[in-house]
């Protein structure tokens, strides 16, 4: 569970809900449990996510998730350069890494979202960051709960 969302309270809450009737119930419980994160929980969770466009070089389950999730973002040097610049501006403004569910998005989509979100105020952006973290956690959990190996290879799109 920690590789889905590195928040101890979330892991405990999801584990305490077992047994689940089915995958849908597990995902619903996990989703509700991820809606309200403290500032400390958010900060901790974000340390486990590399900058968008910069896949983690670590060799663990979370790093494998990140590399797979960001695989559609890797593109030409111009887009990557723009993402790097956007990441720096975002981090300067908000003091945290820009987080977005990258699965199914192109580099251009991610860059467009980064540019839109950088104009948010801190409260609005914090809420968007938590929502994105929740989406990522649910995709990862869906993959972990899927009994078919092909679904895990496809990024857990259920």
N, C-alpha and C. Protein backbone atom coordinates (compact mmCIF):
# COMPACT_ATOMS: atom_id res chain seq x y z
N UNK A 1 0.82 -1.20 0.00
CA UNK A 1 0.00 0.00 0.00
C UNK A 1 0.86 1.26 0.00
N UNK A 2 1.98 1.21 0.68
CA UNK A 2 2.84 2.39 0.75
C UNK A 2 3.35 2.80 -0.63
N UNK A 3 3.52 1.84 -1.53
CA UNK A 3 3.97 2.20 -2.88
C UNK A 3 2.86 2.89 -3.68
N UNK A 4 1.63 2.77 -3.22
CA UNK A 4 0.51 3.47 -3.87
C UNK A 4 0.41 4.90 -3.38
N UNK A 5 0.55 5.09 -2.07
CA UNK A 5 0.50 6.42 -1.46
C UNK A 5 1.27 6.35 -0.15
N UNK A 6 2.39 7.04 -0.10
CA UNK A 6 3.29 6.97 1.06
C UNK A 6 2.80 7.87 2.19
N UNK A 7 1.63 7.55 2.70
CA UNK A 7 1.04 8.27 3.83
C UNK A 7 0.59 7.21 4.83
N UNK A 8 1.24 7.20 5.99
CA UNK A 8 0.98 6.16 6.98
C UNK A 8 -0.49 6.09 7.38
N UNK A 9 -1.13 7.24 7.59
CA UNK A 9 -2.54 7.25 7.97
C UNK A 9 -3.43 6.64 6.91
N UNK A 10 -3.12 6.90 5.63
CA UNK A 10 -3.89 6.33 4.53
C UNK A 10 -3.70 4.82 4.48
N UNK A 11 -2.45 4.38 4.59
CA UNK A 11 -2.16 2.95 4.57
C UNK A 11 -2.92 2.25 5.69
N UNK A 12 -2.88 2.82 6.89
CA UNK A 12 -3.58 2.22 8.03
C UNK A 12 -5.09 2.18 7.79
N UNK A 13 -5.64 3.27 7.27
CA UNK A 13 -7.09 3.33 7.04
C UNK A 13 -7.53 2.33 5.97
N UNK A 14 -6.76 2.23 4.89
CA UNK A 14 -7.12 1.28 3.83
C UNK A 14 -7.00 -0.15 4.36
N UNK A 15 -5.95 -0.43 5.10
CA UNK A 15 -5.77 -1.77 5.67
C UNK A 15 -6.88 -2.10 6.67
N UNK A 16 -7.33 -1.11 7.42
CA UNK A 16 -8.36 -1.36 8.44
C UNK A 16 -9.72 -1.65 7.83
N UNK A 17 -9.92 -1.30 6.58
CA UNK A 17 -11.20 -1.54 5.92
C UNK A 17 -11.38 -2.96 5.40
N UNK A 18 -10.32 -3.76 5.46
CA UNK A 18 -10.40 -5.13 4.96
C UNK A 18 -11.27 -6.00 5.85
N UNK A 19 -11.85 -7.03 5.33
CA UNK A 19 -11.84 -7.44 3.91
C UNK A 19 -12.85 -6.63 3.10
N UNK A 20 -12.52 -6.43 1.85
CA UNK A 20 -13.41 -5.72 0.94
C UNK A 20 -14.22 -6.73 0.12
N UNK A 21 -15.44 -6.35 -0.21
CA UNK A 21 -16.30 -7.24 -0.99
C UNK A 21 -15.72 -7.49 -2.37
N UNK A 22 -15.10 -6.46 -2.93
CA UNK A 22 -14.51 -6.58 -4.26
C UNK A 22 -13.57 -5.40 -4.50
N UNK A 23 -12.97 -5.39 -5.67
CA UNK A 23 -12.01 -4.35 -6.03
C UNK A 23 -12.66 -2.97 -6.00
N UNK A 24 -13.88 -2.85 -6.48
CA UNK A 24 -14.56 -1.55 -6.52
C UNK A 24 -14.73 -0.98 -5.12
N UNK A 25 -15.08 -1.82 -4.16
CA UNK A 25 -15.23 -1.36 -2.78
C UNK A 25 -13.88 -0.93 -2.19
N UNK A 26 -12.85 -1.68 -2.48
CA UNK A 26 -11.51 -1.32 -1.99
C UNK A 26 -11.08 0.03 -2.56
N UNK A 27 -11.31 0.24 -3.85
CA UNK A 27 -10.93 1.51 -4.48
C UNK A 27 -11.76 2.67 -3.94
N UNK A 28 -13.05 2.43 -3.70
CA UNK A 28 -13.91 3.49 -3.15
C UNK A 28 -13.43 3.90 -1.76
N UNK A 29 -13.13 2.92 -0.92
CA UNK A 29 -12.65 3.20 0.44
C UNK A 29 -11.31 3.94 0.37
N UNK A 30 -10.42 3.45 -0.47
CA UNK A 30 -9.10 4.08 -0.60
C UNK A 30 -9.23 5.51 -1.11
N UNK A 31 -10.14 5.73 -2.04
CA UNK A 31 -10.35 7.07 -2.57
C UNK A 31 -10.86 8.03 -1.51
N UNK A 32 -11.84 7.59 -0.74
CA UNK A 32 -12.36 8.45 0.35
C UNK A 32 -11.27 8.72 1.38
N UNK A 33 -10.45 7.73 1.64
CA UNK A 33 -9.40 7.88 2.65
C UNK A 33 -8.30 8.84 2.20
N UNK A 34 -8.18 9.07 0.91
CA UNK A 34 -7.13 9.95 0.38
C UNK A 34 -7.60 11.37 0.14
N UNK A 35 -8.84 11.67 0.46
CA UNK A 35 -9.38 13.00 0.15
C UNK A 35 -8.85 14.10 1.06
N UNK A 36 -8.52 13.76 2.29
CA UNK A 36 -8.11 14.79 3.25
C UNK A 36 -6.75 14.44 3.83
N UNK A 37 -5.72 15.07 3.30
CA UNK A 37 -4.37 14.85 3.80
C UNK A 37 -3.89 16.11 4.53
N UNK A 38 -3.19 15.91 5.62
CA UNK A 38 -2.60 17.04 6.33
C UNK A 38 -1.45 17.60 5.49
N UNK A 39 -0.98 18.77 5.86
CA UNK A 39 0.16 19.36 5.15
C UNK A 39 1.39 18.45 5.26
N UNK A 40 1.61 17.88 6.44
CA UNK A 40 2.75 16.97 6.62
C UNK A 40 2.61 15.71 5.77
N UNK A 41 1.39 15.15 5.72
CA UNK A 41 1.16 13.96 4.89
C UNK A 41 1.39 14.26 3.42
N UNK A 42 0.90 15.41 2.97
CA UNK A 42 1.10 15.81 1.58
C UNK A 42 2.58 15.97 1.28
N UNK A 43 3.30 16.65 2.15
CA UNK A 43 4.73 16.86 1.94
C UNK A 43 5.48 15.54 1.88
N UNK A 44 5.15 14.62 2.78
CA UNK A 44 5.79 13.31 2.79
C UNK A 44 5.50 12.54 1.51
N UNK A 45 4.25 12.53 1.10
CA UNK A 45 3.88 11.81 -0.12
C UNK A 45 4.59 12.38 -1.34
N UNK A 46 4.72 13.69 -1.42
CA UNK A 46 5.35 14.31 -2.58
C UNK A 46 6.84 14.01 -2.68
N UNK A 47 7.48 13.71 -1.56
CA UNK A 47 8.91 13.36 -1.62
C UNK A 47 9.14 12.06 -2.37
N UNK A 48 8.10 11.27 -2.54
CA UNK A 48 8.21 9.97 -3.22
C UNK A 48 7.93 10.06 -4.72
N UNK A 49 7.69 11.28 -5.21
CA UNK A 49 7.38 11.48 -6.62
C UNK A 49 8.45 12.34 -7.28
N UNK A 50 9.08 11.83 -8.35
CA UNK A 50 10.06 12.66 -9.07
C UNK A 50 9.35 13.77 -9.83
N UNK A 51 10.10 14.78 -10.21
CA UNK A 51 9.53 15.83 -11.05
C UNK A 51 8.99 15.19 -12.33
N UNK A 52 7.90 15.76 -12.81
CA UNK A 52 7.33 15.27 -14.07
C UNK A 52 8.36 15.50 -15.17
N UNK A 53 8.56 14.49 -15.98
CA UNK A 53 9.57 14.56 -17.04
C UNK A 53 10.93 14.09 -16.60
N UNK A 54 11.09 13.78 -15.31
CA UNK A 54 12.35 13.29 -14.76
C UNK A 54 12.08 11.98 -14.05
N UNK A 55 12.06 10.89 -14.77
CA UNK A 55 11.75 9.59 -14.17
C UNK A 55 12.78 9.22 -13.11
N UNK A 56 12.31 8.62 -12.06
CA UNK A 56 13.16 8.20 -10.95
C UNK A 56 14.15 7.14 -11.42
N UNK A 57 15.36 7.23 -10.90
CA UNK A 57 16.38 6.23 -11.21
C UNK A 57 16.48 5.17 -10.10
N UNK A 58 15.69 5.33 -9.06
CA UNK A 58 15.69 4.36 -7.96
C UNK A 58 15.22 3.01 -8.47
N UNK A 59 15.50 1.99 -7.68
CA UNK A 59 15.14 0.63 -8.07
C UNK A 59 14.18 0.04 -7.03
N UNK A 60 12.96 0.61 -6.98
CA UNK A 60 11.95 0.09 -6.07
C UNK A 60 10.59 0.15 -6.76
N UNK A 61 9.57 -0.31 -6.08
CA UNK A 61 8.23 -0.39 -6.67
C UNK A 61 7.71 0.99 -7.05
N UNK A 62 7.91 1.97 -6.17
CA UNK A 62 7.44 3.33 -6.46
C UNK A 62 8.12 3.89 -7.70
N UNK A 63 9.42 3.68 -7.82
CA UNK A 63 10.15 4.18 -8.98
C UNK A 63 9.65 3.50 -10.26
N UNK A 64 9.37 2.21 -10.18
CA UNK A 64 8.83 1.51 -11.35
C UNK A 64 7.47 2.08 -11.73
N UNK A 65 6.63 2.37 -10.73
CA UNK A 65 5.34 3.01 -11.00
C UNK A 65 5.56 4.34 -11.73
N UNK A 66 6.45 5.17 -11.20
CA UNK A 66 6.69 6.50 -11.77
C UNK A 66 7.19 6.41 -13.21
N UNK A 67 8.13 5.51 -13.45
CA UNK A 67 8.65 5.36 -14.82
C UNK A 67 7.55 4.95 -15.79
N UNK A 68 6.71 4.01 -15.37
CA UNK A 68 5.61 3.56 -16.22
C UNK A 68 4.61 4.69 -16.44
N UNK A 69 4.25 5.38 -15.37
CA UNK A 69 3.25 6.43 -15.45
C UNK A 69 3.71 7.60 -16.32
N UNK A 70 4.99 7.89 -16.28
CA UNK A 70 5.51 9.03 -17.04
C UNK A 70 6.00 8.66 -18.43
N UNK A 71 5.86 7.41 -18.82
CA UNK A 71 6.41 6.98 -20.11
C UNK A 71 5.83 7.74 -21.29
N UNK A 72 4.59 8.17 -21.21
CA UNK A 72 3.99 8.92 -22.32
C UNK A 72 4.45 10.37 -22.35
N UNK A 73 5.06 10.83 -21.27
CA UNK A 73 5.50 12.22 -21.18
C UNK A 73 6.86 12.41 -21.84
N UNK A 74 7.69 11.38 -21.86
CA UNK A 74 9.00 11.49 -22.49
C UNK A 74 8.82 11.80 -23.96
N UNK A 75 9.41 12.90 -24.38
CA UNK A 75 9.23 13.34 -25.75
C UNK A 75 10.43 14.17 -26.18
N UNK A 76 10.23 15.04 -27.14
CA UNK A 76 11.34 15.82 -27.68
C UNK A 76 11.95 16.75 -26.63
N UNK A 77 13.16 17.19 -26.92
CA UNK A 77 13.91 18.05 -26.01
C UNK A 77 13.23 19.36 -25.71
N UNK A 78 12.49 19.91 -26.67
CA UNK A 78 11.81 21.19 -26.47
C UNK A 78 10.73 21.07 -25.39
N UNK A 79 9.94 20.03 -25.46
CA UNK A 79 8.88 19.83 -24.46
C UNK A 79 9.48 19.56 -23.08
N UNK A 80 10.52 18.73 -23.04
CA UNK A 80 11.17 18.42 -21.76
C UNK A 80 11.78 19.68 -21.17
N UNK A 81 12.39 20.50 -22.00
CA UNK A 81 12.97 21.77 -21.53
C UNK A 81 11.89 22.68 -20.95
N UNK A 82 10.75 22.75 -21.63
CA UNK A 82 9.64 23.58 -21.14
C UNK A 82 9.09 23.03 -19.82
N UNK A 83 9.03 21.70 -19.70
CA UNK A 83 8.58 21.09 -18.44
C UNK A 83 9.56 21.41 -17.31
N UNK A 84 10.85 21.34 -17.60
CA UNK A 84 11.85 21.66 -16.57
C UNK A 84 11.69 23.09 -16.09
N UNK A 85 11.56 24.01 -17.03
CA UNK A 85 11.37 25.42 -16.68
C UNK A 85 10.08 25.61 -15.88
N UNK A 86 9.02 24.95 -16.31
CA UNK A 86 7.75 25.04 -15.60
C UNK A 86 7.84 24.47 -14.20
N UNK A 87 8.54 23.33 -14.06
CA UNK A 87 8.73 22.73 -12.74
C UNK A 87 9.43 23.69 -11.79
N UNK A 88 10.47 24.35 -12.28
CA UNK A 88 11.22 25.30 -11.44
C UNK A 88 10.32 26.45 -11.01
N UNK A 89 9.57 27.01 -11.94
CA UNK A 89 8.66 28.13 -11.62
C UNK A 89 7.60 27.68 -10.62
N UNK A 90 7.05 26.50 -10.83
CA UNK A 90 6.02 25.96 -9.93
C UNK A 90 6.59 25.78 -8.53
N UNK A 91 7.75 25.14 -8.44
CA UNK A 91 8.37 24.90 -7.13
C UNK A 91 8.71 26.20 -6.43
N UNK A 92 9.13 27.20 -7.20
CA UNK A 92 9.43 28.51 -6.61
C UNK A 92 8.16 29.13 -6.03
N UNK A 93 7.05 29.02 -6.74
CA UNK A 93 5.80 29.62 -6.28
C UNK A 93 5.17 28.85 -5.11
N UNK A 94 5.10 27.52 -5.23
CA UNK A 94 4.34 26.73 -4.26
C UNK A 94 5.21 26.00 -3.22
N UNK A 95 6.51 25.90 -3.47
CA UNK A 95 7.38 25.22 -2.52
C UNK A 95 7.24 23.71 -2.50
N UNK A 96 6.72 23.15 -3.57
CA UNK A 96 6.58 21.70 -3.67
C UNK A 96 6.64 21.30 -5.15
N UNK A 97 6.86 20.01 -5.37
CA UNK A 97 6.94 19.49 -6.73
C UNK A 97 5.56 19.54 -7.39
N UNK A 98 5.55 19.82 -8.69
CA UNK A 98 4.31 19.78 -9.47
C UNK A 98 3.93 18.32 -9.66
N UNK A 99 2.71 17.96 -9.29
CA UNK A 99 2.26 16.58 -9.40
C UNK A 99 1.03 16.51 -10.27
N UNK A 100 1.05 15.55 -11.18
CA UNK A 100 -0.09 15.33 -12.06
C UNK A 100 -0.14 13.85 -12.41
N UNK A 101 -1.34 13.32 -12.54
CA UNK A 101 -1.48 11.94 -13.02
C UNK A 101 -1.06 11.95 -14.48
N UNK A 102 0.08 11.35 -14.78
CA UNK A 102 0.64 11.41 -16.12
C UNK A 102 0.09 10.33 -17.05
N UNK A 103 -0.47 9.26 -16.49
CA UNK A 103 -0.98 8.16 -17.31
C UNK A 103 -2.01 8.70 -18.30
N UNK A 104 -1.77 8.41 -19.58
CA UNK A 104 -2.71 8.81 -20.62
C UNK A 104 -2.56 10.25 -21.09
N UNK A 105 -1.54 10.95 -20.59
CA UNK A 105 -1.33 12.34 -20.99
C UNK A 105 -0.03 12.49 -21.75
N UNK A 106 -0.05 13.34 -22.74
CA UNK A 106 1.17 13.66 -23.49
C UNK A 106 1.93 14.75 -22.74
N UNK A 107 3.16 14.98 -23.16
CA UNK A 107 3.96 16.06 -22.56
C UNK A 107 3.25 17.40 -22.76
N UNK A 108 2.63 17.58 -23.90
CA UNK A 108 1.92 18.83 -24.18
C UNK A 108 0.73 19.02 -23.23
N UNK A 109 0.00 17.93 -22.96
CA UNK A 109 -1.12 17.99 -22.00
C UNK A 109 -0.62 18.37 -20.61
N UNK A 110 0.46 17.73 -20.20
CA UNK A 110 1.03 18.00 -18.87
C UNK A 110 1.49 19.44 -18.78
N UNK A 111 2.17 19.91 -19.82
CA UNK A 111 2.66 21.28 -19.84
C UNK A 111 1.50 22.28 -19.79
N UNK A 112 0.45 21.99 -20.52
CA UNK A 112 -0.73 22.85 -20.50
C UNK A 112 -1.34 22.93 -19.10
N UNK A 113 -1.42 21.78 -18.43
CA UNK A 113 -1.95 21.76 -17.06
C UNK A 113 -1.02 22.50 -16.10
N UNK A 114 0.28 22.32 -16.26
CA UNK A 114 1.23 23.02 -15.41
C UNK A 114 1.05 24.53 -15.56
N UNK A 115 0.93 24.99 -16.78
CA UNK A 115 0.75 26.42 -17.04
C UNK A 115 -0.57 26.93 -16.48
N UNK A 116 -1.61 26.13 -16.55
CA UNK A 116 -2.89 26.53 -15.99
C UNK A 116 -2.82 26.59 -14.47
N UNK A 117 -2.26 25.55 -13.88
CA UNK A 117 -2.26 25.44 -12.43
C UNK A 117 -1.32 26.42 -11.75
N UNK A 118 -0.30 26.88 -12.43
CA UNK A 118 0.64 27.80 -11.79
C UNK A 118 -0.02 29.14 -11.46
N UNK A 119 -1.16 29.41 -12.10
CA UNK A 119 -1.88 30.65 -11.79
C UNK A 119 -2.83 30.49 -10.60
N UNK A 120 -2.96 29.28 -10.08
CA UNK A 120 -3.81 29.03 -8.91
C UNK A 120 -3.26 29.72 -7.67
N UNK A 121 -4.15 30.01 -6.72
CA UNK A 121 -3.67 30.43 -5.40
C UNK A 121 -3.27 29.16 -4.65
N UNK A 122 -2.60 29.32 -3.52
CA UNK A 122 -2.05 28.16 -2.82
C UNK A 122 -3.11 27.16 -2.38
N UNK A 123 -4.24 27.63 -1.86
CA UNK A 123 -5.29 26.71 -1.41
C UNK A 123 -5.88 25.90 -2.56
N UNK A 124 -6.14 26.58 -3.67
CA UNK A 124 -6.68 25.89 -4.85
C UNK A 124 -5.69 24.86 -5.36
N UNK A 125 -4.42 25.25 -5.43
CA UNK A 125 -3.41 24.33 -5.95
C UNK A 125 -3.16 23.17 -5.00
N UNK A 126 -3.23 23.41 -3.71
CA UNK A 126 -3.08 22.32 -2.75
C UNK A 126 -4.18 21.28 -2.98
N UNK A 127 -5.40 21.76 -3.16
CA UNK A 127 -6.53 20.85 -3.41
C UNK A 127 -6.33 20.07 -4.70
N UNK A 128 -5.82 20.74 -5.75
CA UNK A 128 -5.56 20.03 -7.01
C UNK A 128 -4.45 19.00 -6.84
N UNK A 129 -3.43 19.34 -6.07
CA UNK A 129 -2.33 18.40 -5.84
C UNK A 129 -2.83 17.17 -5.09
N UNK A 130 -3.65 17.36 -4.08
CA UNK A 130 -4.22 16.23 -3.34
C UNK A 130 -5.08 15.37 -4.26
N UNK A 131 -5.87 16.00 -5.12
CA UNK A 131 -6.72 15.26 -6.06
C UNK A 131 -5.86 14.43 -7.02
N UNK A 132 -4.75 15.00 -7.50
CA UNK A 132 -3.87 14.26 -8.41
C UNK A 132 -3.18 13.11 -7.68
N UNK A 133 -2.76 13.35 -6.46
CA UNK A 133 -2.14 12.30 -5.65
C UNK A 133 -3.12 11.16 -5.43
N UNK A 134 -4.37 11.50 -5.18
CA UNK A 134 -5.43 10.50 -5.00
C UNK A 134 -5.60 9.68 -6.28
N UNK A 135 -5.65 10.35 -7.44
CA UNK A 135 -5.79 9.62 -8.71
C UNK A 135 -4.63 8.66 -8.93
N UNK A 136 -3.42 9.12 -8.65
CA UNK A 136 -2.24 8.27 -8.82
C UNK A 136 -2.33 7.07 -7.88
N UNK A 137 -2.69 7.32 -6.63
CA UNK A 137 -2.81 6.23 -5.65
C UNK A 137 -3.83 5.19 -6.10
N UNK A 138 -4.97 5.65 -6.62
CA UNK A 138 -6.01 4.71 -7.04
C UNK A 138 -5.58 3.92 -8.28
N UNK A 139 -4.87 4.55 -9.20
CA UNK A 139 -4.35 3.81 -10.35
C UNK A 139 -3.37 2.73 -9.90
N UNK A 140 -2.50 3.09 -8.98
CA UNK A 140 -1.52 2.12 -8.48
C UNK A 140 -2.20 0.99 -7.71
N UNK A 141 -3.17 1.33 -6.90
CA UNK A 141 -3.89 0.30 -6.15
C UNK A 141 -4.68 -0.60 -7.09
N UNK A 142 -5.29 -0.02 -8.09
CA UNK A 142 -6.02 -0.81 -9.08
C UNK A 142 -5.10 -1.82 -9.74
N UNK A 143 -3.90 -1.39 -10.07
CA UNK A 143 -2.92 -2.29 -10.67
C UNK A 143 -2.54 -3.40 -9.69
N UNK A 144 -2.32 -3.03 -8.45
CA UNK A 144 -1.92 -4.01 -7.44
C UNK A 144 -3.02 -5.04 -7.18
N UNK A 145 -4.27 -4.61 -7.29
CA UNK A 145 -5.40 -5.51 -7.02
C UNK A 145 -5.83 -6.32 -8.23
N UNK A 146 -5.30 -5.98 -9.39
CA UNK A 146 -5.72 -6.66 -10.61
C UNK A 146 -5.03 -8.01 -10.73
N UNK A 147 -5.79 -9.08 -10.82
CA UNK A 147 -5.19 -10.40 -10.89
C UNK A 147 -4.56 -10.74 -12.24
N UNK A 148 -4.78 -9.91 -13.26
CA UNK A 148 -4.24 -10.23 -14.57
C UNK A 148 -2.93 -9.50 -14.79
N UNK A 149 -1.87 -10.20 -15.18
CA UNK A 149 -0.58 -9.56 -15.39
C UNK A 149 -0.62 -8.49 -16.49
N UNK A 150 -1.46 -8.68 -17.51
CA UNK A 150 -1.53 -7.71 -18.60
C UNK A 150 -1.99 -6.35 -18.10
N UNK A 151 -2.91 -6.31 -17.16
CA UNK A 151 -3.41 -5.03 -16.64
C UNK A 151 -2.30 -4.28 -15.93
N UNK A 152 -1.46 -5.00 -15.21
CA UNK A 152 -0.35 -4.34 -14.52
C UNK A 152 0.62 -3.73 -15.53
N UNK A 153 0.85 -4.43 -16.63
CA UNK A 153 1.75 -3.91 -17.66
C UNK A 153 1.16 -2.71 -18.38
N UNK A 154 -0.16 -2.60 -18.42
CA UNK A 154 -0.81 -1.49 -19.10
C UNK A 154 -1.00 -0.30 -18.19
N UNK A 155 -0.46 -0.33 -16.99
CA UNK A 155 -0.58 0.81 -16.10
C UNK A 155 -1.80 0.78 -15.22
N UNK A 156 -2.48 -0.34 -15.15
CA UNK A 156 -3.60 -0.46 -14.23
C UNK A 156 -4.83 0.28 -14.66
N UNK A 157 -5.00 0.54 -15.93
CA UNK A 157 -6.21 1.23 -16.38
C UNK A 157 -7.37 0.27 -16.34
N UNK A 158 -8.17 0.39 -15.30
CA UNK A 158 -9.29 -0.54 -15.13
C UNK A 158 -10.59 0.15 -15.40
